[in-house]
N, C-alpha and C. Protein backbone atom coordinates (compact mmCIF):
# COMPACT_ATOMS: atom_id res chain seq x y z
N UNK A 1 0.91 -1.27 0.01
CA UNK A 1 0.14 -0.12 -0.13
C UNK A 1 0.84 1.20 -0.04
N UNK A 2 0.62 2.29 -0.73
CA UNK A 2 1.24 3.43 -0.91
C UNK A 2 0.46 4.61 -0.50
N UNK A 3 0.80 5.10 0.72
CA UNK A 3 -0.42 6.16 1.29
C UNK A 3 0.58 7.00 1.87
N UNK A 4 0.02 7.98 2.78
CA UNK A 4 0.71 8.86 3.52
C UNK A 4 1.81 8.13 4.46
N UNK A 5 1.51 7.01 4.83
CA UNK A 5 2.27 6.35 5.92
C UNK A 5 3.57 5.78 5.17
N UNK A 6 3.59 5.68 4.08
CA UNK A 6 4.62 5.02 3.06
C UNK A 6 5.02 5.86 1.87
N UNK A 7 6.05 6.74 2.31
CA UNK A 7 6.56 7.80 1.23
C UNK A 7 7.04 7.05 -0.11
N UNK A 8 6.79 7.62 -0.96
CA UNK A 8 7.20 7.09 -2.29
C UNK A 8 7.21 8.35 -3.32
N UNK A 9 8.29 7.98 -4.29
CA UNK A 9 8.72 9.40 -5.12
C UNK A 9 8.51 8.71 -6.70
N UNK A 10 7.40 9.30 -7.31
CA UNK A 10 7.46 9.11 -8.88
C UNK A 10 7.63 10.24 -9.41
N UNK A 11 8.45 10.17 -10.72
CA UNK A 11 8.73 11.23 -11.51
C UNK A 11 9.19 10.70 -12.78
N UNK A 12 8.93 11.48 -13.97
CA UNK A 12 9.20 11.12 -15.25
C UNK A 12 10.91 11.11 -15.23
N UNK A 13 11.28 12.01 -14.38
CA UNK A 13 12.88 11.94 -14.48
C UNK A 13 13.26 10.44 -13.94
N UNK A 14 12.73 9.75 -13.15
CA UNK A 14 12.99 8.51 -12.60
C UNK A 14 12.66 7.43 -13.59
N UNK A 15 11.53 7.77 -14.23
CA UNK A 15 11.02 6.68 -15.41
C UNK A 15 12.14 6.55 -16.40
N UNK A 16 12.92 7.72 -16.73
CA UNK A 16 13.75 7.54 -17.79
C UNK A 16 15.24 7.21 -17.15
N UNK A 17 15.52 7.69 -16.00
CA UNK A 17 16.60 7.28 -15.55
C UNK A 17 16.58 6.65 -14.08
N UNK A 18 16.05 5.19 -14.04
CA UNK A 18 15.66 4.64 -12.82
C UNK A 18 16.63 4.46 -11.67
N UNK A 19 18.05 4.43 -12.25
CA UNK A 19 19.26 4.24 -11.38
C UNK A 19 20.16 5.16 -11.71
N UNK A 20 19.90 6.38 -11.11
CA UNK A 20 20.90 7.70 -11.69
C UNK A 20 22.27 7.66 -10.69
N UNK A 21 23.14 8.31 -11.38
CA UNK A 21 24.45 8.53 -10.67
C UNK A 21 24.29 9.51 -9.70
N UNK A 22 23.38 10.69 -10.10
CA UNK A 22 23.09 11.45 -9.12
C UNK A 22 21.60 11.89 -9.33
N UNK A 23 20.99 12.52 -8.15
CA UNK A 23 19.63 12.93 -8.13
C UNK A 23 19.39 13.71 -7.16
N UNK A 24 18.29 14.66 -7.30
CA UNK A 24 18.01 15.52 -6.21
C UNK A 24 16.61 16.20 -6.50
N UNK A 25 16.07 16.64 -5.60
CA UNK A 25 14.60 17.06 -5.65
C UNK A 25 14.63 18.32 -5.01
N UNK A 26 14.08 19.44 -5.57
CA UNK A 26 13.96 21.04 -5.07
C UNK A 26 12.43 21.40 -5.16
N UNK A 27 11.93 21.86 -3.80
CA UNK A 27 10.54 21.91 -3.52
C UNK A 27 10.55 23.46 -3.09
N UNK A 28 9.52 24.22 -3.76
CA UNK A 28 9.59 25.65 -3.32
C UNK A 28 8.15 25.92 -3.32
N UNK A 29 7.66 26.65 -2.25
CA UNK A 29 6.40 27.05 -2.10
C UNK A 29 5.92 28.09 -2.89
N UNK A 30 4.57 28.10 -3.26
CA UNK A 30 4.16 29.00 -4.40
C UNK A 30 2.92 29.74 -3.81
N UNK A 31 2.90 30.99 -3.86
CA UNK A 31 1.43 31.58 -3.29
C UNK A 31 0.24 31.57 -4.10
N UNK A 32 -0.75 31.43 -3.70
CA UNK A 32 -1.97 31.35 -4.49
C UNK A 32 -2.08 32.28 -5.61
N UNK A 33 -2.84 31.83 -6.93
CA UNK A 33 -2.72 32.60 -7.97
C UNK A 33 -1.88 32.38 -9.07
N UNK A 34 -0.93 31.49 -8.83
CA UNK A 34 0.22 31.02 -9.67
C UNK A 34 -0.52 30.18 -10.68
N UNK A 35 0.39 30.01 -11.93
CA UNK A 35 -0.15 29.02 -13.06
C UNK A 35 -0.12 27.62 -12.49
N UNK A 36 -0.91 26.66 -12.85
CA UNK A 36 -0.81 25.23 -12.38
C UNK A 36 -0.19 24.47 -13.42
N UNK A 37 0.02 24.89 -14.78
CA UNK A 37 0.71 24.11 -16.11
C UNK A 37 1.96 23.74 -15.64
N UNK A 38 2.61 22.54 -15.52
CA UNK A 38 3.83 22.29 -15.44
C UNK A 38 4.81 22.75 -16.49
N UNK A 39 4.35 22.63 -17.72
CA UNK A 39 5.12 23.19 -18.96
C UNK A 39 5.34 24.59 -18.65
N UNK A 40 4.45 25.50 -18.03
CA UNK A 40 4.54 26.85 -18.09
C UNK A 40 5.84 26.95 -16.95
N UNK A 41 5.76 26.22 -15.91
CA UNK A 41 6.75 26.11 -14.68
C UNK A 41 7.99 25.75 -15.41
N UNK A 42 8.09 24.80 -15.97
CA UNK A 42 9.43 24.20 -16.72
C UNK A 42 10.12 25.38 -17.74
N UNK A 43 9.28 26.11 -18.59
CA UNK A 43 9.63 26.99 -19.48
C UNK A 43 10.24 28.24 -18.56
N UNK A 44 9.55 28.62 -17.75
CA UNK A 44 9.96 29.96 -16.60
C UNK A 44 11.43 29.25 -15.97
N UNK A 45 11.17 28.10 -15.37
CA UNK A 45 12.46 27.77 -14.58
C UNK A 45 13.78 27.59 -15.24
N UNK A 46 13.54 27.14 -16.62
CA UNK A 46 14.79 27.16 -17.44
C UNK A 46 15.00 27.96 -18.39
N UNK A 47 14.45 29.21 -18.36
CA UNK A 47 14.42 30.05 -19.10
C UNK A 47 15.84 31.02 -19.09
N UNK A 48 16.64 30.75 -20.33
CA UNK A 48 17.82 31.57 -20.38
C UNK A 48 17.48 33.05 -20.34
N UNK A 49 16.85 33.40 -20.73
CA UNK A 49 16.36 34.90 -21.14
C UNK A 49 16.22 35.67 -19.79
N UNK A 50 15.72 34.97 -18.83
CA UNK A 50 15.47 35.58 -17.55
C UNK A 50 15.99 35.22 -16.21
N UNK A 51 16.95 34.22 -16.44
CA UNK A 51 17.46 33.44 -15.23
C UNK A 51 18.32 34.47 -14.29
N UNK A 52 18.60 34.11 -13.23
CA UNK A 52 19.55 34.86 -12.38
C UNK A 52 20.76 35.09 -13.11
N UNK A 53 21.28 36.46 -12.91
CA UNK A 53 22.31 36.87 -13.60
C UNK A 53 23.62 35.64 -13.40
N UNK A 54 23.87 35.42 -11.99
CA UNK A 54 25.25 34.55 -11.57
C UNK A 54 25.16 33.39 -12.15
N UNK A 55 23.69 32.76 -12.41
CA UNK A 55 23.46 31.45 -13.13
C UNK A 55 24.06 31.51 -14.76
N UNK A 56 23.26 32.60 -15.19
CA UNK A 56 23.69 32.91 -16.65
C UNK A 56 25.09 32.89 -16.92
N UNK A 57 25.87 33.49 -16.03
CA UNK A 57 27.69 33.66 -16.03
C UNK A 57 27.96 32.27 -15.77
N UNK A 58 27.61 31.59 -14.73
CA UNK A 58 28.05 30.12 -14.80
C UNK A 58 27.92 29.24 -16.04
N UNK A 59 26.51 29.53 -16.72
CA UNK A 59 26.32 28.73 -18.03
C UNK A 59 27.31 29.23 -19.14
N UNK A 60 27.55 30.48 -19.07
CA UNK A 60 28.42 30.95 -20.25
C UNK A 60 29.98 30.54 -19.91
N UNK A 61 30.48 30.48 -18.55
CA UNK A 61 31.83 29.80 -18.38
C UNK A 61 31.73 28.22 -18.94
N UNK A 62 30.46 27.70 -18.60
CA UNK A 62 30.72 26.29 -18.81
C UNK A 62 30.66 26.02 -20.59
N UNK A 63 30.11 27.05 -21.13
CA UNK A 63 30.13 26.96 -22.49
C UNK A 63 31.76 27.17 -23.16
N UNK A 64 32.35 27.89 -22.25
CA UNK A 64 33.88 28.20 -22.61
C UNK A 64 34.88 27.12 -22.45
N UNK A 65 34.64 26.46 -21.25
CA UNK A 65 35.54 25.39 -20.76
C UNK A 65 35.34 24.08 -21.04
N UNK A 66 34.21 23.53 -21.59
CA UNK A 66 33.73 22.28 -21.65
C UNK A 66 34.51 21.54 -22.70
N UNK A 67 35.13 22.29 -24.00
CA UNK A 67 35.78 21.86 -24.88
C UNK A 67 37.04 21.25 -24.34
N UNK A 68 37.40 21.68 -23.48
CA UNK A 68 38.83 21.08 -22.86
C UNK A 68 39.05 19.58 -22.62
N UNK A 69 37.62 19.27 -22.11
CA UNK A 69 37.63 17.76 -21.77
C UNK A 69 36.74 17.01 -23.04
N UNK A 70 36.52 17.47 -24.07
CA UNK A 70 35.78 16.81 -25.22
C UNK A 70 34.26 16.98 -25.15
N UNK A 71 33.61 17.75 -24.32
CA UNK A 71 32.45 17.92 -24.23
C UNK A 71 31.69 19.03 -25.12
N UNK A 72 30.97 18.75 -25.71
CA UNK A 72 29.94 19.54 -26.76
C UNK A 72 29.59 20.68 -25.89
N UNK A 73 29.62 21.92 -26.69
CA UNK A 73 28.82 23.08 -25.93
C UNK A 73 27.46 22.72 -26.07
N UNK A 74 26.55 23.10 -25.21
CA UNK A 74 25.00 22.78 -25.12
C UNK A 74 24.19 23.79 -26.23
N UNK A 75 23.39 22.94 -26.59
CA UNK A 75 22.50 23.45 -27.84
C UNK A 75 21.60 24.36 -26.76
N UNK A 76 21.09 25.32 -27.25
CA UNK A 76 20.06 26.37 -26.63
C UNK A 76 18.59 25.62 -26.33
N UNK A 77 18.21 24.65 -27.11
CA UNK A 77 17.02 24.06 -26.98
C UNK A 77 17.03 22.54 -25.94
N UNK A 78 18.51 22.47 -25.17
CA UNK A 78 18.56 21.58 -24.18
C UNK A 78 17.47 21.47 -23.11
N UNK A 79 16.99 22.66 -22.89
CA UNK A 79 15.99 22.87 -21.72
C UNK A 79 14.44 23.06 -22.31
N UNK A 80 14.50 22.67 -23.54
CA UNK A 80 12.93 22.72 -24.00
C UNK A 80 12.17 21.52 -23.45
N UNK A 81 10.75 21.69 -23.03
CA UNK A 81 9.98 20.62 -22.67
C UNK A 81 9.93 19.46 -23.58
N UNK A 82 10.10 18.51 -23.32
CA UNK A 82 10.03 17.30 -24.23
C UNK A 82 8.48 16.41 -24.29
N UNK A 83 7.95 16.45 -23.05
CA UNK A 83 6.67 15.93 -22.73
C UNK A 83 5.98 16.28 -21.38
N UNK A 84 4.65 16.36 -21.45
CA UNK A 84 3.98 16.60 -20.31
C UNK A 84 3.12 15.28 -20.06
N UNK A 85 3.19 14.86 -18.53
CA UNK A 85 2.48 13.76 -18.31
C UNK A 85 1.91 14.05 -16.91
N UNK A 86 0.38 13.89 -16.86
CA UNK A 86 0.04 14.57 -15.77
C UNK A 86 0.57 15.77 -15.21
N UNK A 87 0.95 15.84 -13.82
CA UNK A 87 1.25 17.17 -13.27
C UNK A 87 2.73 17.55 -13.53
N UNK A 88 3.50 16.72 -14.31
CA UNK A 88 4.95 17.12 -14.66
C UNK A 88 5.03 17.27 -16.20
N UNK A 89 6.21 18.04 -16.36
CA UNK A 89 6.77 18.33 -17.57
C UNK A 89 8.34 17.88 -17.69
N UNK A 90 8.54 17.33 -18.65
CA UNK A 90 9.96 16.74 -18.67
C UNK A 90 11.05 17.49 -19.51
N UNK A 91 11.94 17.70 -18.98
CA UNK A 91 13.19 18.33 -19.79
C UNK A 91 14.34 17.46 -19.81
N UNK A 92 15.09 17.41 -20.78
CA UNK A 92 16.28 16.46 -20.57
C UNK A 92 17.06 16.26 -21.96
N UNK A 93 18.03 15.58 -21.86
CA UNK A 93 19.09 15.59 -23.03
C UNK A 93 19.78 14.39 -22.57
N UNK A 94 20.18 13.81 -23.82
CA UNK A 94 21.30 12.66 -23.99
C UNK A 94 22.50 13.10 -24.60
N UNK A 95 23.77 12.94 -23.82
CA UNK A 95 24.90 13.33 -24.70
C UNK A 95 26.21 12.29 -24.46
N UNK A 96 27.02 12.38 -24.97
CA UNK A 96 28.21 11.69 -25.05
C UNK A 96 28.76 11.47 -23.45
N UNK A 97 28.72 12.56 -22.86
CA UNK A 97 29.17 12.45 -21.37
C UNK A 97 28.11 12.27 -20.16
N UNK A 98 27.07 12.67 -20.33
CA UNK A 98 25.86 12.25 -19.50
C UNK A 98 24.54 12.33 -20.18
N UNK A 99 23.68 11.75 -19.39
CA UNK A 99 22.21 12.06 -19.82
C UNK A 99 21.72 12.56 -18.42
N UNK A 100 20.67 13.65 -18.60
CA UNK A 100 19.90 14.22 -17.67
C UNK A 100 18.44 14.21 -17.94
N UNK A 101 17.70 14.31 -16.84
CA UNK A 101 16.24 14.61 -16.86
C UNK A 101 16.08 15.55 -15.74
N UNK A 102 15.22 16.42 -16.09
CA UNK A 102 14.56 17.48 -15.00
C UNK A 102 13.00 17.41 -15.21
N UNK A 103 12.27 16.87 -14.34
CA UNK A 103 10.91 16.91 -14.25
C UNK A 103 10.30 17.94 -13.30
N UNK A 104 9.57 18.95 -13.93
CA UNK A 104 9.10 19.90 -13.13
C UNK A 104 7.50 19.69 -13.00
N UNK A 105 7.23 19.67 -11.64
CA UNK A 105 5.79 19.49 -11.16
C UNK A 105 5.14 20.61 -10.60
N UNK A 106 3.87 20.59 -10.50
CA UNK A 106 3.21 21.54 -9.80
C UNK A 106 2.12 20.95 -8.87
N UNK A 107 2.20 20.99 -7.66
CA UNK A 107 1.08 20.35 -6.75
C UNK A 107 0.13 21.52 -6.41
N UNK A 108 -1.02 21.64 -6.74
CA UNK A 108 -1.83 22.80 -6.74
C UNK A 108 -2.44 22.50 -4.99
N UNK A 109 -2.62 21.42 -4.55
CA UNK A 109 -3.10 21.30 -3.09
C UNK A 109 -1.91 21.90 -2.30
N UNK A 110 -0.93 21.28 -2.25
CA UNK A 110 0.13 21.58 -1.48
C UNK A 110 0.85 22.91 -1.84
N UNK A 111 0.40 23.41 -3.04
CA UNK A 111 1.03 24.80 -3.50
C UNK A 111 2.64 24.78 -3.61
N UNK A 112 3.00 23.98 -4.24
CA UNK A 112 4.52 23.41 -4.52
C UNK A 112 5.06 23.34 -5.72
N UNK A 113 5.94 23.87 -6.28
CA UNK A 113 6.81 23.49 -7.38
C UNK A 113 7.86 22.62 -7.05
N UNK A 114 7.96 21.52 -8.05
CA UNK A 114 9.00 20.66 -7.70
C UNK A 114 9.94 20.25 -8.90
N UNK A 115 11.10 20.12 -8.81
CA UNK A 115 12.00 19.94 -9.80
C UNK A 115 12.76 18.83 -9.34
N UNK A 116 12.48 17.71 -10.00
CA UNK A 116 13.21 16.43 -9.77
C UNK A 116 14.30 16.17 -10.81
N UNK A 117 15.39 15.97 -10.36
CA UNK A 117 16.41 15.94 -11.46
C UNK A 117 17.20 14.37 -11.20
N UNK A 118 17.70 13.87 -12.34
CA UNK A 118 18.46 12.42 -12.45
C UNK A 118 19.38 12.65 -13.57
N UNK A 119 20.65 12.09 -13.44
CA UNK A 119 21.55 12.47 -14.18
C UNK A 119 22.32 10.99 -14.13
N UNK A 120 22.68 10.37 -15.47
CA UNK A 120 23.45 9.13 -15.65
C UNK A 120 24.79 9.56 -16.57
N UNK A 121 25.99 9.33 -15.85
CA UNK A 121 27.44 9.68 -16.33
C UNK A 121 27.79 8.68 -17.18
N UNK A 122 28.47 8.95 -18.10
CA UNK A 122 29.19 8.28 -19.23
C UNK A 122 30.60 8.42 -19.36
N UNK A 123 31.43 7.49 -18.68
CA UNK A 123 32.88 7.60 -18.81
C UNK A 123 33.47 8.80 -17.93
N UNK A 124 34.68 8.83 -18.26
CA UNK A 124 35.51 9.64 -17.57
C UNK A 124 35.06 11.40 -17.71
N UNK A 125 34.75 11.70 -18.94
CA UNK A 125 34.20 13.12 -19.26
C UNK A 125 32.95 13.10 -18.58
N UNK A 126 32.01 12.38 -18.30
CA UNK A 126 30.91 12.77 -17.67
C UNK A 126 31.52 13.04 -16.08
N UNK A 127 32.28 11.98 -15.49
CA UNK A 127 32.85 12.32 -14.18
C UNK A 127 33.55 13.66 -14.04
N UNK A 128 34.44 13.85 -14.95
CA UNK A 128 35.14 15.13 -14.61
C UNK A 128 34.14 16.37 -14.82
N UNK A 129 33.64 16.36 -15.89
CA UNK A 129 32.44 17.36 -15.93
C UNK A 129 31.44 17.57 -14.73
N UNK A 130 30.95 16.40 -14.34
CA UNK A 130 29.98 16.59 -13.22
C UNK A 130 30.47 16.76 -11.98
N UNK A 131 31.83 16.82 -11.61
CA UNK A 131 32.45 17.07 -10.32
C UNK A 131 32.15 18.46 -9.66
N UNK A 132 32.12 19.64 -10.43
CA UNK A 132 31.84 20.61 -10.16
C UNK A 132 30.39 20.96 -10.07
N UNK A 133 29.59 20.35 -11.10
CA UNK A 133 28.16 20.41 -11.22
C UNK A 133 27.41 19.69 -9.92
N UNK A 134 27.94 18.75 -9.62
CA UNK A 134 27.50 18.10 -8.47
C UNK A 134 27.30 19.01 -7.23
N UNK A 135 28.23 20.02 -6.98
CA UNK A 135 28.24 20.83 -5.91
C UNK A 135 27.41 21.93 -6.37
N UNK A 136 27.19 22.55 -7.41
CA UNK A 136 26.50 23.55 -7.61
C UNK A 136 25.18 23.35 -7.88
N UNK A 137 24.76 22.18 -8.66
CA UNK A 137 23.49 22.01 -8.99
C UNK A 137 22.49 22.31 -7.88
N UNK A 138 22.23 21.77 -6.80
CA UNK A 138 21.32 22.20 -5.94
C UNK A 138 20.95 23.85 -5.43
N UNK A 139 22.03 24.35 -5.27
CA UNK A 139 22.03 26.03 -5.18
C UNK A 139 21.34 26.74 -6.36
N UNK A 140 21.88 26.13 -7.58
CA UNK A 140 21.31 26.62 -8.87
C UNK A 140 19.99 26.48 -9.01
N UNK A 141 19.63 25.35 -8.88
CA UNK A 141 18.22 24.82 -9.25
C UNK A 141 17.27 25.79 -8.42
N UNK A 142 17.61 25.85 -7.15
CA UNK A 142 16.83 26.37 -6.18
C UNK A 142 16.62 27.77 -6.44
N UNK A 143 17.80 28.40 -6.76
CA UNK A 143 17.56 30.05 -7.21
C UNK A 143 16.78 29.97 -8.50
N UNK A 144 16.85 29.29 -9.55
CA UNK A 144 16.27 29.28 -10.66
C UNK A 144 14.72 29.08 -10.43
N UNK A 145 14.35 28.21 -9.39
CA UNK A 145 13.08 28.07 -9.00
C UNK A 145 12.30 29.11 -8.33
N UNK A 146 13.16 29.60 -7.46
CA UNK A 146 12.53 30.75 -6.57
C UNK A 146 12.63 32.05 -7.73
N UNK A 147 13.23 32.15 -8.40
CA UNK A 147 13.20 33.24 -9.36
C UNK A 147 12.05 33.02 -10.25
N UNK A 148 11.66 31.97 -10.66
CA UNK A 148 10.61 31.61 -11.63
C UNK A 148 9.22 31.74 -10.74
N UNK A 149 9.26 31.50 -9.32
CA UNK A 149 8.01 31.75 -8.55
C UNK A 149 7.76 33.19 -8.70
N UNK A 150 8.99 33.88 -8.25
CA UNK A 150 8.82 35.51 -8.24
C UNK A 150 8.40 36.12 -9.49
N UNK A 151 8.62 35.70 -10.64
CA UNK A 151 8.24 36.22 -12.02
C UNK A 151 6.75 35.83 -12.36
N UNK A 152 6.23 34.48 -11.95
CA UNK A 152 5.16 34.02 -12.40
C UNK A 152 4.25 34.33 -11.38
N UNK A 153 4.20 34.89 -10.25
CA UNK A 153 3.33 35.43 -8.91
C UNK A 153 3.22 36.91 -8.98
N UNK A 154 3.96 37.72 -9.84
CA UNK A 154 3.78 39.03 -9.79
C UNK A 154 2.41 39.47 -10.01
């Protein structure tokens, strides 16, 4: 039985990468009146045109240095919504160094937006690339999600 007494985590991110090398979940409370469409939340959270400046700077730095380990520069469409199933919108990419999924969900009863991330690493390039990302990912996603909440609830 799966009820309130037995926690469970289900997510499109875990559907695609059921045994991740890295995973995290970010939850941010949302005031009343916010949109409930998870695709709207995903697009806003991963918007490169309105993200926090320090995160945009980190993404720019990433684009400059990844070539040193043979990793391709990120395509601007990497954060495009792939699909929406129920209360989640899925963003993701498969690459030579890693596969990632980020499922963005909105819970209208709890008034929470949730970002579930899973990553599968490929070889030494993935491990080298992801070493600093592993440290930065939680605060980056939290900052991006909080910024999206502010923008969508103005």
